[in-house]
């Protein structure tokens, strides 16, 4: 179920996916920094959920997912997934992580160092059913990505 976000509740000016992809590096970093600070802050749960719902819409493109999954945001999402006590937040963190993995075509070597597999494995055992489902979906996406990469590497290694 898609959580609708409210532009008036965002602590920054929302931009579209296309606008984000057209930003220069400095503007992109500034924008992502605002998203990071909004989610990492101790603002209300509803404000953070709103930012996550907005951000989730920016993840559904391979170009943006490749940028976002390899940014410091991913490490923070994994940390927040592990540390949050609020089921609704955990569910949205797992959902965004899963969406990023699903759309990414390149996941850098820093992503596994975030503890993503451990965090998702822990969340699969969460007492909240929706957290378990979103975490299992994200873990499935990650395993599918890993297997696909291994198959591509073995095929390119076996080419004549």
Protein backbone atom coordinates (compact mmCIF):
# COMPACT_ATOMS: atom_id res chain seq x y z
CA UNK A 1 0.00 0.00 0.00
CA UNK A 2 1.47 3.29 -1.09
CA UNK A 3 1.63 5.92 1.62
CA UNK A 4 0.68 9.29 0.13
CA UNK A 5 3.05 12.11 0.93
CA UNK A 6 2.08 15.71 1.59
CA UNK A 7 4.23 18.41 -0.07
CA UNK A 8 3.31 20.92 2.64
CA UNK A 9 4.67 18.63 5.37
CA UNK A 10 8.06 18.21 3.68
CA UNK A 11 10.81 20.27 5.34
CA UNK A 12 12.22 21.05 1.88
CA UNK A 13 10.93 21.87 -1.60
CA UNK A 14 9.99 18.63 -3.38
CA UNK A 15 11.36 18.00 -6.84
CA UNK A 16 10.32 15.40 -9.40
CA UNK A 17 12.37 12.36 -10.31
CA UNK A 18 13.25 13.95 -13.65
CA UNK A 19 14.31 17.19 -11.95
CA UNK A 20 16.51 15.22 -9.54
CA UNK A 21 18.20 13.37 -12.41
CA UNK A 22 18.94 16.68 -14.15
CA UNK A 23 20.61 18.29 -11.12
CA UNK A 24 24.33 18.99 -11.25
CA UNK A 25 26.47 17.12 -8.69
CA UNK A 26 26.56 19.95 -6.15
CA UNK A 27 22.78 20.53 -6.28
CA UNK A 28 22.12 16.79 -6.07
CA UNK A 29 24.34 16.47 -3.00
CA UNK A 30 22.60 19.45 -1.41
CA UNK A 31 19.17 17.95 -2.11
CA UNK A 32 20.15 14.50 -0.80
CA UNK A 33 21.63 16.14 2.27
CA UNK A 34 18.25 17.74 3.00
CA UNK A 35 16.54 14.36 2.63
CA UNK A 36 19.17 12.73 4.84
CA UNK A 37 18.82 15.37 7.58
CA UNK A 38 15.02 15.14 7.47
CA UNK A 39 14.97 11.37 7.92
CA UNK A 40 17.87 11.21 10.38
CA UNK A 41 16.45 14.00 12.55
CA UNK A 42 14.40 13.55 15.67
CA UNK A 43 11.41 15.17 13.98
CA UNK A 44 7.98 13.61 14.42
CA UNK A 45 7.32 10.11 13.13
CA UNK A 46 4.69 11.48 10.74
CA UNK A 47 7.18 13.97 9.26
CA UNK A 48 9.80 11.26 8.74
CA UNK A 49 7.19 8.90 7.23
CA UNK A 50 6.16 11.69 4.87
CA UNK A 51 9.77 12.23 3.73
CA UNK A 52 10.23 8.46 3.25
CA UNK A 53 7.01 8.21 1.23
CA UNK A 54 8.16 11.10 -0.99
CA UNK A 55 11.65 9.63 -1.30
CA UNK A 56 10.25 6.21 -2.25
CA UNK A 57 8.89 7.76 -5.43
CA UNK A 58 12.38 8.91 -6.40
CA UNK A 59 13.72 5.35 -6.16
CA UNK A 60 11.65 3.79 -8.94
CA UNK A 61 14.12 4.45 -11.74
CA UNK A 62 17.39 2.64 -12.40
CA UNK A 63 19.38 5.85 -12.88
CA UNK A 64 18.20 7.35 -9.60
CA UNK A 65 18.36 4.02 -7.73
CA UNK A 66 22.01 3.59 -8.77
CA UNK A 67 22.84 7.01 -7.33
CA UNK A 68 20.76 6.68 -4.18
CA UNK A 69 21.65 3.11 -3.19
CA UNK A 70 25.36 3.96 -3.38
CA UNK A 71 24.98 7.14 -1.32
CA UNK A 72 25.25 7.70 2.44
CA UNK A 73 21.45 7.54 2.56
CA UNK A 74 21.55 3.75 2.24
CA UNK A 75 23.82 3.38 5.26
CA UNK A 76 21.49 5.63 7.28
CA UNK A 77 18.38 3.69 6.15
CA UNK A 78 20.00 0.41 7.25
CA UNK A 79 21.03 1.94 10.59
CA UNK A 80 17.52 3.33 11.13
CA UNK A 81 15.91 0.02 10.16
CA UNK A 82 17.96 -1.65 12.88
CA UNK A 83 17.54 1.06 15.49
CA UNK A 84 13.94 2.20 15.11
CA UNK A 85 11.37 1.06 17.65
CA UNK A 86 8.43 2.37 15.59
CA UNK A 87 6.98 -0.37 13.36
CA UNK A 88 5.62 2.07 10.77
CA UNK A 89 9.07 3.65 10.34
CA UNK A 90 10.79 0.25 10.14
CA UNK A 91 8.30 -0.86 7.49
CA UNK A 92 9.00 2.25 5.40
CA UNK A 93 12.79 1.89 5.78
CA UNK A 94 12.56 -1.73 4.63
CA UNK A 95 10.28 -0.70 1.76
CA UNK A 96 12.62 2.04 0.51
CA UNK A 97 15.63 -0.29 0.82
CA UNK A 98 13.77 -2.95 -1.18
CA UNK A 99 12.71 -0.45 -3.85
CA UNK A 100 16.28 0.81 -4.24
CA UNK A 101 17.61 -2.73 -4.62
CA UNK A 102 14.85 -3.66 -7.09
CA UNK A 103 15.60 -0.75 -9.43
CA UNK A 104 19.39 -0.55 -9.02
CA UNK A 105 21.54 -2.06 -11.75
CA UNK A 106 24.76 -1.36 -9.87
CA UNK A 107 25.26 -1.84 -6.14
CA UNK A 108 28.73 -0.78 -5.04
CA UNK A 109 30.94 -2.67 -2.63
CA UNK A 110 30.15 -0.22 0.19
CA UNK A 111 26.50 -1.33 0.38
CA UNK A 112 27.24 -4.78 1.90
CA UNK A 113 29.44 -3.01 4.48
CA UNK A 114 26.34 -1.20 5.81
CA UNK A 115 25.20 -4.42 7.47
CA UNK A 116 22.21 -4.59 5.14
CA UNK A 117 21.95 -8.40 5.15
CA UNK A 118 22.11 -8.55 8.95
CA UNK A 119 19.58 -5.71 9.32
CA UNK A 120 17.09 -7.30 6.93
CA UNK A 121 17.59 -10.74 8.50
CA UNK A 122 16.85 -9.25 11.94
CA UNK A 123 13.79 -7.42 10.61
CA UNK A 124 12.41 -10.60 9.05
CA UNK A 125 11.96 -11.74 12.66
CA UNK A 126 10.27 -8.49 13.78
CA UNK A 127 7.07 -8.84 15.80
CA UNK A 128 5.19 -6.65 13.29
CA UNK A 129 3.91 -8.56 10.26
CA UNK A 130 4.25 -5.62 7.82
CA UNK A 131 7.87 -5.06 8.89
CA UNK A 132 8.53 -8.78 8.33
CA UNK A 133 6.92 -8.70 4.87
CA UNK A 134 8.74 -5.59 3.66
CA UNK A 135 12.03 -6.88 5.06
CA UNK A 136 11.58 -10.28 3.41
CA UNK A 137 10.75 -8.57 0.10
CA UNK A 138 13.89 -6.40 0.37
CA UNK A 139 16.01 -9.42 1.31
CA UNK A 140 14.58 -11.33 -1.67
CA UNK A 141 15.46 -8.43 -3.98
CA UNK A 142 19.00 -8.35 -2.59
CA UNK A 143 19.48 -12.11 -2.98
CA UNK A 144 18.13 -11.96 -6.54
CA UNK A 145 20.59 -9.14 -7.34
CA UNK A 146 23.51 -11.09 -5.84
CA UNK A 147 22.66 -14.29 -7.74
CA UNK A 148 22.15 -12.38 -11.01
CA UNK A 149 25.54 -10.68 -10.60
CA UNK A 150 27.25 -13.99 -9.86
CA UNK A 151 25.67 -15.56 -12.95
CA UNK A 152 26.76 -12.64 -15.14
CA UNK A 153 30.30 -12.82 -13.76
CA UNK A 154 30.55 -16.57 -14.33
CA UNK A 155 29.14 -16.23 -17.88
CA UNK A 156 31.56 -13.44 -18.78
CA UNK A 157 34.39 -15.49 -17.28
CA UNK A 158 33.43 -18.53 -19.35
CA UNK A 159 33.09 -16.71 -22.67
CA UNK A 160 35.37 -17.97 -25.44
